[in-house]
Amino acid sequence: MISFRLSEDEYESLISVCENEGARSVSDLARDAVHRLIGRSPQIEVEIALRALEGRVDTLDLQIRRLSMTVDQSPLRQVRQINGRT
């Protein structure tokens, strides 16, 4: 058994990767990652880097959506919409 701590953002990113990869659980994803690292080849390293990058892009997308919702709900934006300005 292996145990380690993650920040909330890291954990959210990990859950996102699980969903994208179709993993049943974080444990399954971690086990698969360990198996890949043990048999690491240059192509696998590229795949790992791409998956990590994909996870970061997904995290950025989520943060952009949250920021967009915050901006759309801001009082100043609502006043401008009422006055016919965006």
C-alpha atoms as a PDB file:
ATOM      1  CA  MET A   1       0.000   0.000   0.000  1.00  0.00           C
ATOM      2  CA  ILE A   2       1.239   3.482  -0.909  1.00  0.00           C
ATOM      3  CA  SER A   3      -0.146   6.684   0.548  1.00  0.00           C
ATOM      4  CA  PHE A   4       0.552  10.333  -0.296  1.00  0.00           C
ATOM      5  CA  ARG A   5      -1.104  13.717   0.129  1.00  0.00           C
ATOM      6  CA  LEU A   6      -2.522  15.945  -2.613  1.00  0.00           C
ATOM      7  CA  SER A   7      -3.789  19.505  -2.562  1.00  0.00           C
ATOM      8  CA  GLU A   8      -7.483  19.993  -3.370  1.00  0.00           C
ATOM      9  CA  ASP A   9      -6.559  21.255  -6.863  1.00  0.00           C
ATOM     10  CA  GLU A  10      -4.291  18.269  -7.463  1.00  0.00           C
ATOM     11  CA  TYR A  11      -7.043  15.900  -6.323  1.00  0.00           C
ATOM     12  CA  GLU A  12      -9.606  17.572  -8.612  1.00  0.00           C
ATOM     13  CA  SER A  13      -7.159  17.241 -11.499  1.00  0.00           C
ATOM     14  CA  LEU A  14      -6.608  13.585 -10.633  1.00  0.00           C
ATOM     15  CA  ILE A  15     -10.358  12.925 -10.603  1.00  0.00           C
ATOM     16  CA  SER A  16     -10.615  14.656 -13.989  1.00  0.00           C
ATOM     17  CA  VAL A  17      -7.868  12.405 -15.355  1.00  0.00           C
ATOM     18  CA  CYS A  18      -9.694   9.347 -13.975  1.00  0.00           C
ATOM     19  CA  GLU A  19     -12.857  10.376 -15.795  1.00  0.00           C
ATOM     20  CA  ASN A  20     -10.985  11.118 -19.046  1.00  0.00           C
ATOM     21  CA  GLU A  21      -9.130   7.815 -18.912  1.00  0.00           C
ATOM     22  CA  GLY A  22     -12.204   5.800 -17.945  1.00  0.00           C
ATOM     23  CA  ALA A  23     -10.560   4.553 -14.751  1.00  0.00           C
ATOM     24  CA  ARG A  24     -12.929   3.055 -12.185  1.00  0.00           C
ATOM     25  CA  SER A  25     -11.083   4.655  -9.294  1.00  0.00           C
ATOM     26  CA  VAL A  26      -8.013   6.649  -8.325  1.00  0.00           C
ATOM     27  CA  SER A  27      -6.414   3.361  -7.230  1.00  0.00           C
ATOM     28  CA  ASP A  28      -6.891   1.837 -10.692  1.00  0.00           C
ATOM     29  CA  LEU A  29      -5.413   4.918 -12.324  1.00  0.00           C
ATOM     30  CA  ALA A  30      -2.417   4.908  -9.950  1.00  0.00           C
ATOM     31  CA  ARG A  31      -1.837   1.183 -10.491  1.00  0.00           C
ATOM     32  CA  ASP A  32      -1.924   1.683 -14.274  1.00  0.00           C
ATOM     33  CA  ALA A  33       0.510   4.598 -13.988  1.00  0.00           C
ATOM     34  CA  VAL A  34       2.942   2.492 -11.944  1.00  0.00           C
ATOM     35  CA  HIS A  35       2.774  -0.312 -14.505  1.00  0.00           C
ATOM     36  CA  ARG A  36       3.538   2.183 -17.270  1.00  0.00           C
ATOM     37  CA  LEU A  37       6.486   3.620 -15.341  1.00  0.00           C
ATOM     38  CA  ILE A  38       7.977   0.202 -14.689  1.00  0.00           C
ATOM     39  CA  GLY A  39       7.957  -0.642 -18.397  1.00  0.00           C
ATOM     40  CA  ARG A  40       8.785   2.914 -19.479  1.00  0.00           C
ATOM     41  CA  SER A  41       9.835   3.461 -23.085  1.00  0.00           C
ATOM     42  CA  PRO A  42      10.349   6.747 -24.980  1.00  0.00           C
ATOM     43  CA  GLN A  43       6.867   6.485 -26.495  1.00  0.00           C
ATOM     44  CA  ILE A  44       5.323   5.876 -23.083  1.00  0.00           C
ATOM     45  CA  GLU A  45       7.141   8.958 -21.758  1.00  0.00           C
ATOM     46  CA  VAL A  46       5.542  11.013 -24.531  1.00  0.00           C
ATOM     47  CA  GLU A  47       2.122   9.521 -23.722  1.00  0.00           C
ATOM     48  CA  ILE A  48       2.592  10.344 -20.035  1.00  0.00           C
ATOM     49  CA  ALA A  49       3.606  13.919 -20.868  1.00  0.00           C
ATOM     50  CA  LEU A  50       0.611  14.311 -23.172  1.00  0.00           C
ATOM     51  CA  ARG A  51      -1.788  12.987 -20.533  1.00  0.00           C
ATOM     52  CA  ALA A  52      -0.324  15.317 -17.935  1.00  0.00           C
ATOM     53  CA  LEU A  53      -0.681  18.212 -20.356  1.00  0.00           C
ATOM     54  CA  GLU A  54      -4.257  17.181 -21.122  1.00  0.00           C
ATOM     55  CA  GLY A  55      -5.023  17.161 -17.400  1.00  0.00           C
ATOM     56  CA  ARG A  56      -3.583  20.645 -17.013  1.00  0.00           C
ATOM     57  CA  VAL A  57      -5.608  21.895 -19.995  1.00  0.00           C
ATOM     58  CA  ASP A  58      -8.758  20.382 -18.458  1.00  0.00           C
ATOM     59  CA  THR A  59      -7.978  22.141 -15.182  1.00  0.00           C
ATOM     60  CA  LEU A  60      -7.444  25.456 -16.994  1.00  0.00           C
ATOM     61  CA  ASP A  61     -10.716  24.958 -18.879  1.00  0.00           C
ATOM     62  CA  LEU A  62     -12.553  24.420 -15.603  1.00  0.00           C
ATOM     63  CA  GLN A  63     -10.982  27.517 -14.068  1.00  0.00           C
ATOM     64  CA  ILE A  64     -11.850  29.624 -17.133  1.00  0.00           C
ATOM     65  CA  ARG A  65     -15.468  28.445 -16.960  1.00  0.00           C
ATOM     66  CA  ARG A  66     -15.630  29.361 -13.267  1.00  0.00           C
ATOM     67  CA  LEU A  67     -14.142  32.797 -13.945  1.00  0.00           C
ATOM     68  CA  SER A  68     -16.536  33.353 -16.827  1.00  0.00           C
ATOM     69  CA  MET A  69     -19.505  32.514 -14.614  1.00  0.00           C
ATOM     70  CA  THR A  70     -18.195  34.895 -11.954  1.00  0.00           C
ATOM     71  CA  VAL A  71     -17.833  37.707 -14.497  1.00  0.00           C
ATOM     72  CA  ASP A  72     -21.296  37.021 -15.943  1.00  0.00           C
ATOM     73  CA  GLN A  73     -22.796  37.227 -12.461  1.00  0.00           C
ATOM     74  CA  SER A  74     -20.957  40.400 -11.401  1.00  0.00           C
ATOM     75  CA  PRO A  75     -23.160  43.370 -10.450  1.00  0.00           C
ATOM     76  CA  LEU A  76     -21.261  45.729 -12.801  1.00  0.00           C
ATOM     77  CA  ARG A  77     -21.909  43.429 -15.759  1.00  0.00           C
ATOM     78  CA  GLN A  78     -25.615  43.234 -14.897  1.00  0.00           C
ATOM     79  CA  VAL A  79     -25.871  47.052 -14.695  1.00  0.00           C
ATOM     80  CA  ARG A  80     -24.123  47.415 -18.064  1.00  0.00           C
ATOM     81  CA  GLN A  81     -26.504  44.887 -19.639  1.00  0.00           C
ATOM     82  CA  ILE A  82     -29.496  46.805 -18.302  1.00  0.00           C
ATOM     83  CA  ASN A  83     -28.091  50.051 -19.760  1.00  0.00           C
ATOM     84  CA  GLY A  84     -27.471  48.404 -23.144  1.00  0.00           C
ATOM     85  CA  ARG A  85     -23.688  48.162 -22.817  1.00  0.00           C
ATOM     86  CA  THR A  86     -21.688  44.940 -22.573  1.00  0.00           C
END
